[in-house]
N, C-alpha and C. Protein backbone atom coordinates (compact mmCIF):
# COMPACT_ATOMS: atom_id res chain seq x y z
N MET A 1 0.84 -1.17 0.00
CA MET A 1 0.00 0.00 0.00
C MET A 1 0.88 1.23 0.00
N ILE A 2 0.46 2.19 -0.69
CA ILE A 2 1.19 3.45 -0.74
C ILE A 2 0.57 4.41 0.26
N TYR A 3 1.41 5.00 1.06
CA TYR A 3 0.97 5.98 2.04
C TYR A 3 1.09 7.37 1.42
N ASP A 4 0.04 8.17 1.54
CA ASP A 4 0.08 9.54 1.05
C ASP A 4 0.93 10.38 1.99
N GLU A 5 1.99 10.95 1.45
CA GLU A 5 2.96 11.70 2.24
C GLU A 5 2.30 12.83 3.02
N THR A 6 2.79 13.00 4.24
CA THR A 6 2.29 14.09 5.08
C THR A 6 3.43 14.66 5.92
N GLU A 7 3.31 15.90 6.28
CA GLU A 7 4.30 16.55 7.14
C GLU A 7 3.65 16.94 8.45
N PHE A 8 4.47 16.97 9.50
CA PHE A 8 3.99 17.40 10.80
C PHE A 8 5.16 17.97 11.57
N GLN A 9 4.86 18.66 12.66
CA GLN A 9 5.91 19.29 13.46
C GLN A 9 6.19 18.47 14.71
N LEU A 10 7.48 18.27 14.97
CA LEU A 10 7.89 17.55 16.17
C LEU A 10 7.77 18.45 17.39
N LYS A 11 7.80 17.85 18.56
CA LYS A 11 7.71 18.62 19.81
C LYS A 11 8.86 19.61 19.97
N ASP A 12 9.99 19.35 19.30
CA ASP A 12 11.13 20.27 19.39
C ASP A 12 11.11 21.34 18.30
N GLY A 13 10.03 21.40 17.51
CA GLY A 13 9.87 22.43 16.48
C GLY A 13 10.34 22.04 15.09
N ARG A 14 11.10 20.97 14.96
CA ARG A 14 11.53 20.53 13.63
C ARG A 14 10.36 19.94 12.86
N ASN A 15 10.50 19.93 11.55
CA ASN A 15 9.50 19.31 10.69
C ASN A 15 9.88 17.87 10.42
N ALA A 16 8.87 17.03 10.30
CA ALA A 16 9.05 15.62 9.97
C ALA A 16 8.12 15.28 8.82
N ARG A 17 8.52 14.29 8.05
CA ARG A 17 7.71 13.87 6.91
C ARG A 17 7.48 12.38 7.00
N LEU A 18 6.23 11.96 6.87
CA LEU A 18 5.88 10.56 6.79
C LEU A 18 5.65 10.21 5.33
N ARG A 19 6.21 9.07 4.90
CA ARG A 19 6.05 8.65 3.51
C ARG A 19 6.29 7.16 3.39
N SER A 20 5.87 6.60 2.28
CA SER A 20 6.16 5.20 2.00
C SER A 20 7.61 5.06 1.59
N PRO A 21 8.35 4.15 2.22
CA PRO A 21 9.71 3.91 1.74
C PRO A 21 9.65 3.10 0.45
N THR A 22 10.59 3.36 -0.43
CA THR A 22 10.67 2.63 -1.70
C THR A 22 11.99 1.89 -1.76
N GLU A 23 12.17 1.11 -2.80
CA GLU A 23 13.41 0.34 -2.91
C GLU A 23 14.63 1.25 -2.98
N GLU A 24 14.45 2.49 -3.42
CA GLU A 24 15.56 3.44 -3.42
C GLU A 24 16.05 3.76 -2.00
N ASP A 25 15.20 3.52 -1.02
CA ASP A 25 15.56 3.74 0.38
C ASP A 25 16.22 2.52 1.01
N GLY A 26 16.43 1.49 0.22
CA GLY A 26 16.91 0.21 0.75
C GLY A 26 18.14 0.32 1.62
N GLU A 27 19.16 1.00 1.14
CA GLU A 27 20.41 1.09 1.90
C GLU A 27 20.19 1.83 3.22
N GLU A 28 19.46 2.95 3.18
CA GLU A 28 19.22 3.71 4.41
C GLU A 28 18.31 2.94 5.36
N MET A 29 17.30 2.27 4.83
CA MET A 29 16.40 1.49 5.70
C MET A 29 17.15 0.34 6.37
N LEU A 30 18.06 -0.29 5.65
CA LEU A 30 18.84 -1.37 6.24
C LEU A 30 19.75 -0.82 7.34
N ARG A 31 20.39 0.31 7.11
CA ARG A 31 21.20 0.94 8.15
C ARG A 31 20.34 1.31 9.35
N PHE A 32 19.13 1.82 9.07
CA PHE A 32 18.21 2.21 10.14
C PHE A 32 17.87 1.02 11.04
N VAL A 33 17.45 -0.09 10.46
CA VAL A 33 17.01 -1.23 11.26
C VAL A 33 18.18 -1.83 12.04
N ILE A 34 19.36 -1.83 11.47
CA ILE A 34 20.54 -2.33 12.20
C ILE A 34 20.85 -1.41 13.37
N ARG A 35 20.82 -0.11 13.12
CA ARG A 35 21.10 0.84 14.21
C ARG A 35 20.03 0.76 15.30
N ALA A 36 18.75 0.76 14.89
CA ALA A 36 17.66 0.71 15.86
C ALA A 36 17.74 -0.55 16.71
N SER A 37 18.06 -1.67 16.10
CA SER A 37 18.13 -2.93 16.86
C SER A 37 19.35 -2.95 17.79
N GLY A 38 20.33 -2.11 17.53
CA GLY A 38 21.47 -2.01 18.42
C GLY A 38 21.28 -1.03 19.56
N GLU A 39 20.27 -0.18 19.45
CA GLU A 39 20.01 0.82 20.48
C GLU A 39 19.10 0.33 21.60
N THR A 40 18.46 -0.80 21.40
CA THR A 40 17.55 -1.34 22.40
C THR A 40 17.54 -2.86 22.33
N ASP A 41 17.29 -3.49 23.44
CA ASP A 41 17.15 -4.94 23.47
C ASP A 41 15.72 -5.38 23.14
N TYR A 42 14.86 -4.45 22.82
CA TYR A 42 13.44 -4.76 22.72
C TYR A 42 12.93 -5.02 21.31
N LEU A 43 13.76 -4.87 20.29
CA LEU A 43 13.36 -5.26 18.95
C LEU A 43 13.64 -6.76 18.80
N MET A 44 13.07 -7.38 17.80
CA MET A 44 13.10 -8.84 17.71
C MET A 44 14.40 -9.43 17.17
N LYS A 45 15.33 -8.58 16.75
CA LYS A 45 16.62 -9.08 16.28
C LYS A 45 17.73 -8.22 16.85
N TYR A 46 18.91 -8.83 16.98
CA TYR A 46 20.12 -8.10 17.31
C TYR A 46 20.76 -7.63 16.00
N PRO A 47 21.56 -6.58 16.04
CA PRO A 47 22.17 -6.06 14.80
C PRO A 47 22.92 -7.13 14.01
N GLU A 48 23.65 -8.00 14.68
CA GLU A 48 24.45 -9.00 13.97
C GLU A 48 23.60 -10.02 13.21
N GLU A 49 22.31 -10.10 13.55
CA GLU A 49 21.43 -11.02 12.83
C GLU A 49 21.10 -10.53 11.42
N TYR A 50 21.49 -9.32 11.12
CA TYR A 50 21.30 -8.77 9.77
C TYR A 50 22.54 -8.95 8.89
N ALA A 51 23.56 -9.62 9.41
CA ALA A 51 24.83 -9.76 8.69
C ALA A 51 24.65 -10.41 7.31
N ASP A 52 23.76 -11.36 7.21
CA ASP A 52 23.56 -12.06 5.94
C ASP A 52 22.40 -11.48 5.13
N PHE A 53 21.79 -10.41 5.65
CA PHE A 53 20.67 -9.78 4.95
C PHE A 53 21.24 -8.80 3.94
N THR A 54 20.94 -9.01 2.68
CA THR A 54 21.55 -8.21 1.61
C THR A 54 20.71 -6.98 1.28
N LEU A 55 21.34 -6.05 0.63
CA LEU A 55 20.64 -4.86 0.14
C LEU A 55 19.53 -5.26 -0.83
N GLU A 56 19.78 -6.26 -1.64
CA GLU A 56 18.77 -6.72 -2.59
C GLU A 56 17.55 -7.28 -1.86
N GLN A 57 17.78 -7.97 -0.75
CA GLN A 57 16.66 -8.49 0.04
C GLN A 57 15.86 -7.35 0.67
N GLU A 58 16.56 -6.34 1.16
CA GLU A 58 15.86 -5.18 1.74
C GLU A 58 15.04 -4.47 0.68
N LYS A 59 15.61 -4.27 -0.49
CA LYS A 59 14.88 -3.62 -1.57
C LYS A 59 13.64 -4.42 -1.95
N ALA A 60 13.78 -5.74 -2.01
CA ALA A 60 12.63 -6.60 -2.34
C ALA A 60 11.56 -6.51 -1.26
N PHE A 61 11.98 -6.47 0.00
CA PHE A 61 11.04 -6.34 1.12
C PHE A 61 10.27 -5.02 1.02
N LEU A 62 10.98 -3.93 0.76
CA LEU A 62 10.34 -2.61 0.64
C LEU A 62 9.41 -2.57 -0.57
N ASN A 63 9.84 -3.17 -1.66
CA ASN A 63 9.03 -3.20 -2.87
C ASN A 63 7.74 -3.97 -2.65
N GLU A 64 7.85 -5.08 -1.93
CA GLU A 64 6.67 -5.88 -1.62
C GLU A 64 5.67 -5.10 -0.77
N ALA A 65 6.16 -4.40 0.25
CA ALA A 65 5.27 -3.59 1.10
C ALA A 65 4.65 -2.46 0.28
N TYR A 66 5.42 -1.85 -0.59
CA TYR A 66 4.94 -0.73 -1.41
C TYR A 66 3.82 -1.18 -2.34
N ARG A 67 3.94 -2.37 -2.88
CA ARG A 67 2.96 -2.87 -3.86
C ARG A 67 1.82 -3.66 -3.24
N SER A 68 1.93 -3.99 -1.96
CA SER A 68 0.94 -4.84 -1.30
C SER A 68 -0.40 -4.14 -1.14
N GLU A 69 -1.45 -4.91 -1.24
CA GLU A 69 -2.79 -4.42 -0.94
C GLU A 69 -3.14 -4.66 0.53
N ASN A 70 -2.29 -5.43 1.22
CA ASN A 70 -2.61 -5.85 2.58
C ASN A 70 -1.58 -5.45 3.62
N ALA A 71 -0.67 -4.57 3.25
CA ALA A 71 0.32 -4.06 4.20
C ALA A 71 0.71 -2.65 3.79
N MET A 72 1.01 -1.85 4.79
CA MET A 72 1.47 -0.49 4.52
C MET A 72 2.62 -0.18 5.47
N MET A 73 3.72 0.29 4.90
CA MET A 73 4.87 0.71 5.68
C MET A 73 5.00 2.22 5.57
N ILE A 74 5.35 2.84 6.69
CA ILE A 74 5.56 4.29 6.72
C ILE A 74 6.93 4.56 7.33
N ALA A 75 7.70 5.39 6.65
CA ALA A 75 8.98 5.85 7.20
C ALA A 75 8.81 7.30 7.63
N CYS A 76 9.47 7.65 8.72
CA CYS A 76 9.49 9.04 9.18
C CYS A 76 10.87 9.61 8.89
N VAL A 77 10.89 10.72 8.17
CA VAL A 77 12.14 11.36 7.79
C VAL A 77 12.25 12.69 8.52
N VAL A 78 13.38 12.88 9.21
CA VAL A 78 13.66 14.12 9.93
C VAL A 78 15.06 14.57 9.53
N ASP A 79 15.18 15.81 9.14
CA ASP A 79 16.48 16.36 8.73
C ASP A 79 17.14 15.49 7.66
N GLY A 80 16.33 14.96 6.76
CA GLY A 80 16.86 14.18 5.64
C GLY A 80 17.25 12.75 5.95
N LYS A 81 16.99 12.27 7.17
CA LYS A 81 17.34 10.89 7.47
C LYS A 81 16.16 10.16 8.10
N ILE A 82 16.15 8.85 7.95
CA ILE A 82 15.06 8.04 8.49
C ILE A 82 15.20 7.96 10.00
N ALA A 83 14.16 8.43 10.68
CA ALA A 83 14.14 8.47 12.14
C ALA A 83 13.35 7.31 12.72
N GLY A 84 12.41 6.77 11.95
CA GLY A 84 11.56 5.69 12.43
C GLY A 84 10.78 5.08 11.30
N ASN A 85 10.18 3.95 11.59
CA ASN A 85 9.26 3.35 10.62
C ASN A 85 8.23 2.53 11.36
N CYS A 86 7.14 2.26 10.66
CA CYS A 86 6.08 1.43 11.22
C CYS A 86 5.43 0.67 10.08
N GLN A 87 4.67 -0.35 10.44
CA GLN A 87 3.98 -1.14 9.43
C GLN A 87 2.68 -1.66 10.01
N ILE A 88 1.67 -1.66 9.17
CA ILE A 88 0.41 -2.33 9.50
C ILE A 88 0.18 -3.40 8.46
N SER A 89 -0.15 -4.60 8.93
CA SER A 89 -0.37 -5.75 8.06
C SER A 89 -1.78 -6.27 8.31
N PHE A 90 -2.58 -6.27 7.26
CA PHE A 90 -3.98 -6.69 7.35
C PHE A 90 -4.10 -8.17 7.04
N ARG A 91 -4.84 -8.88 7.86
CA ARG A 91 -5.14 -10.28 7.57
C ARG A 91 -6.24 -10.33 6.53
N THR A 92 -6.33 -11.44 5.81
CA THR A 92 -7.26 -11.48 4.68
C THR A 92 -8.23 -12.65 4.69
N GLY A 93 -8.13 -13.52 5.68
CA GLY A 93 -9.00 -14.69 5.71
C GLY A 93 -10.44 -14.35 6.10
N LYS A 94 -11.33 -15.24 5.81
CA LYS A 94 -12.72 -15.04 6.20
C LYS A 94 -12.88 -15.00 7.71
N LYS A 95 -12.10 -15.82 8.40
CA LYS A 95 -12.21 -15.88 9.85
C LYS A 95 -11.41 -14.81 10.57
N ASP A 96 -10.31 -14.35 9.98
CA ASP A 96 -9.46 -13.39 10.69
C ASP A 96 -9.25 -12.08 9.93
N GLY A 97 -10.04 -11.82 8.92
CA GLY A 97 -9.89 -10.60 8.13
C GLY A 97 -10.24 -9.33 8.88
N HIS A 98 -10.76 -9.46 10.07
CA HIS A 98 -11.08 -8.28 10.89
C HIS A 98 -9.89 -7.84 11.75
N ARG A 99 -8.74 -8.52 11.59
CA ARG A 99 -7.57 -8.25 12.41
C ARG A 99 -6.43 -7.66 11.59
N ALA A 100 -5.62 -6.83 12.25
CA ALA A 100 -4.40 -6.30 11.63
C ALA A 100 -3.32 -6.24 12.69
N SER A 101 -2.07 -6.44 12.27
CA SER A 101 -0.93 -6.36 13.17
C SER A 101 -0.15 -5.08 12.88
N VAL A 102 0.39 -4.49 13.93
CA VAL A 102 1.18 -3.28 13.78
C VAL A 102 2.54 -3.47 14.45
N ALA A 103 3.53 -2.73 13.94
CA ALA A 103 4.87 -2.74 14.51
C ALA A 103 5.49 -1.37 14.29
N ILE A 104 6.42 -1.01 15.16
CA ILE A 104 7.02 0.33 15.10
C ILE A 104 8.45 0.27 15.64
N ALA A 105 9.31 1.13 15.10
CA ALA A 105 10.68 1.27 15.61
C ALA A 105 11.12 2.72 15.39
N LEU A 106 11.84 3.25 16.37
CA LEU A 106 12.37 4.62 16.29
C LEU A 106 13.81 4.62 16.75
N LEU A 107 14.62 5.46 16.12
CA LEU A 107 15.97 5.67 16.63
C LEU A 107 15.88 6.41 17.95
N GLN A 108 16.75 6.09 18.86
CA GLN A 108 16.71 6.63 20.21
C GLN A 108 16.73 8.16 20.24
N GLU A 109 17.48 8.79 19.37
CA GLU A 109 17.58 10.25 19.39
C GLU A 109 16.25 10.92 19.07
N PHE A 110 15.28 10.17 18.56
CA PHE A 110 13.98 10.72 18.20
C PHE A 110 12.87 10.31 19.16
N TRP A 111 13.22 9.62 20.24
CA TRP A 111 12.22 9.24 21.23
C TRP A 111 11.67 10.50 21.89
N GLY A 112 10.38 10.48 22.21
CA GLY A 112 9.75 11.55 22.97
C GLY A 112 9.40 12.79 22.17
N LEU A 113 9.48 12.72 20.85
CA LEU A 113 9.20 13.89 20.00
C LEU A 113 7.84 13.85 19.32
N GLY A 114 7.06 12.79 19.57
CA GLY A 114 5.73 12.69 18.98
C GLY A 114 5.65 11.84 17.72
N ILE A 115 6.77 11.27 17.30
CA ILE A 115 6.77 10.47 16.07
C ILE A 115 5.96 9.19 16.24
N GLY A 116 6.18 8.49 17.34
CA GLY A 116 5.45 7.24 17.58
C GLY A 116 3.95 7.46 17.61
N THR A 117 3.52 8.50 18.29
CA THR A 117 2.09 8.81 18.35
C THR A 117 1.55 9.10 16.96
N LYS A 118 2.26 9.91 16.19
CA LYS A 118 1.80 10.26 14.85
C LYS A 118 1.73 9.03 13.95
N MET A 119 2.73 8.16 14.03
CA MET A 119 2.71 6.96 13.20
C MET A 119 1.55 6.05 13.60
N PHE A 120 1.28 5.94 14.90
CA PHE A 120 0.13 5.13 15.33
C PHE A 120 -1.18 5.75 14.83
N GLU A 121 -1.30 7.06 14.89
CA GLU A 121 -2.50 7.71 14.38
C GLU A 121 -2.72 7.38 12.91
N GLU A 122 -1.64 7.35 12.15
CA GLU A 122 -1.76 7.05 10.72
C GLU A 122 -2.10 5.59 10.48
N MET A 123 -1.57 4.68 11.29
CA MET A 123 -1.95 3.28 11.14
C MET A 123 -3.41 3.07 11.54
N LEU A 124 -3.86 3.78 12.57
CA LEU A 124 -5.27 3.71 12.96
C LEU A 124 -6.17 4.25 11.85
N ARG A 125 -5.75 5.32 11.22
CA ARG A 125 -6.52 5.90 10.11
C ARG A 125 -6.61 4.89 8.96
N ALA A 126 -5.48 4.24 8.64
CA ALA A 126 -5.47 3.25 7.56
C ALA A 126 -6.40 2.09 7.89
N ALA A 127 -6.40 1.66 9.14
CA ALA A 127 -7.30 0.57 9.55
C ALA A 127 -8.75 1.01 9.41
N GLY A 128 -9.03 2.24 9.80
CA GLY A 128 -10.40 2.76 9.67
C GLY A 128 -10.84 2.85 8.22
N GLU A 129 -9.95 3.26 7.35
CA GLU A 129 -10.28 3.36 5.92
C GLU A 129 -10.51 2.00 5.30
N ARG A 130 -9.87 1.00 5.84
CA ARG A 130 -10.03 -0.36 5.34
C ARG A 130 -11.47 -0.82 5.53
N GLY A 131 -12.08 -0.37 6.62
CA GLY A 131 -13.51 -0.61 6.84
C GLY A 131 -13.86 -1.87 7.59
N ASP A 132 -13.17 -2.96 7.36
CA ASP A 132 -13.55 -4.23 7.99
C ASP A 132 -12.66 -4.61 9.17
N VAL A 133 -11.70 -3.77 9.52
CA VAL A 133 -10.79 -4.08 10.62
C VAL A 133 -11.47 -3.72 11.94
N ARG A 134 -11.50 -4.69 12.85
CA ARG A 134 -12.13 -4.50 14.15
C ARG A 134 -11.13 -4.46 15.30
N GLN A 135 -9.91 -4.96 15.05
CA GLN A 135 -8.91 -4.90 16.11
C GLN A 135 -7.51 -4.87 15.54
N LEU A 136 -6.66 -4.14 16.26
CA LEU A 136 -5.23 -4.07 15.96
C LEU A 136 -4.50 -4.86 17.03
N GLU A 137 -3.40 -5.50 16.63
CA GLU A 137 -2.65 -6.35 17.55
C GLU A 137 -1.17 -6.02 17.45
N LEU A 138 -0.47 -6.17 18.57
CA LEU A 138 0.98 -6.01 18.60
C LEU A 138 1.56 -6.81 19.74
N ASP A 139 2.87 -6.97 19.73
CA ASP A 139 3.59 -7.64 20.81
C ASP A 139 4.67 -6.70 21.32
N PHE A 140 5.01 -6.85 22.60
CA PHE A 140 6.16 -6.11 23.13
C PHE A 140 6.90 -6.98 24.13
N VAL A 141 8.17 -6.66 24.30
CA VAL A 141 9.06 -7.42 25.16
C VAL A 141 9.01 -6.86 26.57
N GLU A 142 8.94 -7.76 27.54
CA GLU A 142 8.94 -7.37 28.95
C GLU A 142 10.09 -6.41 29.24
N GLY A 143 9.78 -5.36 29.98
CA GLY A 143 10.77 -4.36 30.33
C GLY A 143 10.74 -3.13 29.44
N ASN A 144 10.06 -3.21 28.32
CA ASN A 144 9.99 -2.08 27.40
C ASN A 144 8.86 -1.14 27.83
N SER A 145 9.09 -0.45 28.93
CA SER A 145 8.06 0.40 29.52
C SER A 145 7.72 1.61 28.66
N ARG A 146 8.69 2.14 27.92
CA ARG A 146 8.41 3.28 27.03
C ARG A 146 7.39 2.88 25.96
N ALA A 147 7.65 1.75 25.32
CA ALA A 147 6.74 1.29 24.28
C ALA A 147 5.37 0.95 24.88
N ARG A 148 5.38 0.26 26.01
CA ARG A 148 4.11 -0.09 26.64
C ARG A 148 3.29 1.17 26.93
N GLY A 149 3.95 2.21 27.42
CA GLY A 149 3.25 3.47 27.70
C GLY A 149 2.62 4.06 26.45
N LEU A 150 3.35 4.04 25.34
CA LEU A 150 2.80 4.54 24.08
C LEU A 150 1.61 3.69 23.64
N TYR A 151 1.77 2.38 23.71
CA TYR A 151 0.70 1.49 23.27
C TYR A 151 -0.55 1.69 24.11
N GLU A 152 -0.39 1.80 25.42
CA GLU A 152 -1.54 2.02 26.28
C GLU A 152 -2.17 3.39 26.01
N LYS A 153 -1.35 4.40 25.77
CA LYS A 153 -1.87 5.72 25.41
C LYS A 153 -2.72 5.65 24.14
N MET A 154 -2.32 4.78 23.22
CA MET A 154 -3.05 4.64 21.96
C MET A 154 -4.25 3.69 22.08
N GLY A 155 -4.50 3.18 23.28
CA GLY A 155 -5.70 2.38 23.51
C GLY A 155 -5.50 0.87 23.50
N PHE A 156 -4.26 0.40 23.43
CA PHE A 156 -4.00 -1.03 23.47
C PHE A 156 -4.02 -1.54 24.91
N ARG A 157 -4.46 -2.79 25.07
CA ARG A 157 -4.50 -3.43 26.38
C ARG A 157 -3.88 -4.80 26.29
N ILE A 158 -3.18 -5.22 27.35
CA ILE A 158 -2.56 -6.54 27.37
C ILE A 158 -3.64 -7.61 27.36
N THR A 159 -3.46 -8.60 26.47
CA THR A 159 -4.42 -9.69 26.37
C THR A 159 -3.79 -11.05 26.64
N GLY A 160 -2.46 -11.09 26.72
CA GLY A 160 -1.82 -12.38 26.97
C GLY A 160 -0.32 -12.23 27.13
N VAL A 161 0.29 -13.34 27.52
CA VAL A 161 1.73 -13.36 27.74
C VAL A 161 2.29 -14.70 27.27
N ILE A 162 3.46 -14.65 26.66
CA ILE A 162 4.20 -15.86 26.33
C ILE A 162 5.41 -15.88 27.27
N PRO A 163 5.37 -16.74 28.26
CA PRO A 163 6.48 -16.77 29.23
C PRO A 163 7.80 -17.16 28.56
N ASP A 164 8.86 -16.50 28.97
CA ASP A 164 10.21 -16.83 28.50
C ASP A 164 10.31 -16.88 26.97
N ALA A 165 9.61 -16.00 26.30
CA ALA A 165 9.58 -16.01 24.83
C ALA A 165 10.85 -15.48 24.19
N ILE A 166 11.57 -14.63 24.90
CA ILE A 166 12.74 -13.96 24.34
C ILE A 166 13.97 -14.32 25.16
N ARG A 167 15.02 -14.78 24.46
CA ARG A 167 16.30 -15.05 25.13
C ARG A 167 17.21 -13.85 24.90
N MET A 168 17.63 -13.25 25.98
CA MET A 168 18.51 -12.09 25.91
C MET A 168 19.96 -12.55 25.71
N LYS A 169 20.82 -11.62 25.35
CA LYS A 169 22.23 -11.96 25.10
C LYS A 169 22.91 -12.56 26.33
N ASP A 170 22.49 -12.14 27.50
CA ASP A 170 23.12 -12.66 28.71
C ASP A 170 22.60 -14.05 29.11
N GLY A 171 21.70 -14.60 28.27
CA GLY A 171 21.16 -15.94 28.53
C GLY A 171 19.86 -15.95 29.32
N SER A 172 19.48 -14.81 29.87
CA SER A 172 18.22 -14.75 30.63
C SER A 172 17.04 -14.73 29.66
N PHE A 173 15.88 -15.03 30.21
CA PHE A 173 14.65 -15.05 29.41
C PHE A 173 13.70 -13.98 29.92
N VAL A 174 12.95 -13.38 29.01
CA VAL A 174 11.90 -12.42 29.37
C VAL A 174 10.62 -12.79 28.61
N ASN A 175 9.54 -12.30 29.14
CA ASN A 175 8.22 -12.57 28.56
C ASN A 175 7.94 -11.66 27.37
N GLU A 176 7.06 -12.12 26.53
CA GLU A 176 6.54 -11.31 25.44
C GLU A 176 5.05 -11.13 25.70
N TYR A 177 4.59 -9.89 25.64
CA TYR A 177 3.19 -9.58 25.90
C TYR A 177 2.46 -9.26 24.60
N MET A 178 1.23 -9.74 24.51
CA MET A 178 0.38 -9.43 23.38
C MET A 178 -0.61 -8.36 23.81
N MET A 179 -0.87 -7.43 22.89
CA MET A 179 -1.82 -6.35 23.16
C MET A 179 -2.81 -6.24 22.01
N VAL A 180 -4.00 -5.77 22.33
CA VAL A 180 -5.05 -5.58 21.33
C VAL A 180 -5.71 -4.23 21.57
N LYS A 181 -6.05 -3.59 20.48
CA LYS A 181 -6.88 -2.38 20.52
C LYS A 181 -8.12 -2.66 19.71
N LYS A 182 -9.27 -2.58 20.33
CA LYS A 182 -10.54 -2.74 19.63
C LYS A 182 -10.87 -1.45 18.92
N LEU A 183 -11.34 -1.56 17.70
CA LEU A 183 -11.71 -0.37 16.91
C LEU A 183 -13.22 -0.21 16.87
């Protein structure tokens, strides 16, 4: 799905632009995800897990999201660089077509500036325009209180837990929580 570009002002007064990333953004998006995954333990991969992920694979992934009828990716650009991204993926089955999954990541230097809230608002708008979506779903890693706060602010509530779902680098295990927002 293609996202119609929009601009908004950050809490610090800078301008930000939301847009669909394209395959031309492949190199920067790959750098973004590697950097973001290195800034927090709460994303689903460590930076080194991208070692075998090629630029061609990233471009194909972006191209697929851009052309998809059932997924939309949004990148946030601040001062000419990608500050964050999010994605909403719509299910299509007869039994689960009322559900969509969302995910979000931001570089640490852009935390607390309103980007996460704005990206969630846009994913909520996309779900509303879809018409048949009744709930949004996401997962978060235990200890990620910043993300949990944003999700709860956006109306998500914890619906379940997978005990010991995530193995941390130090060998310890943490839970993964599932959240749902009814629309």
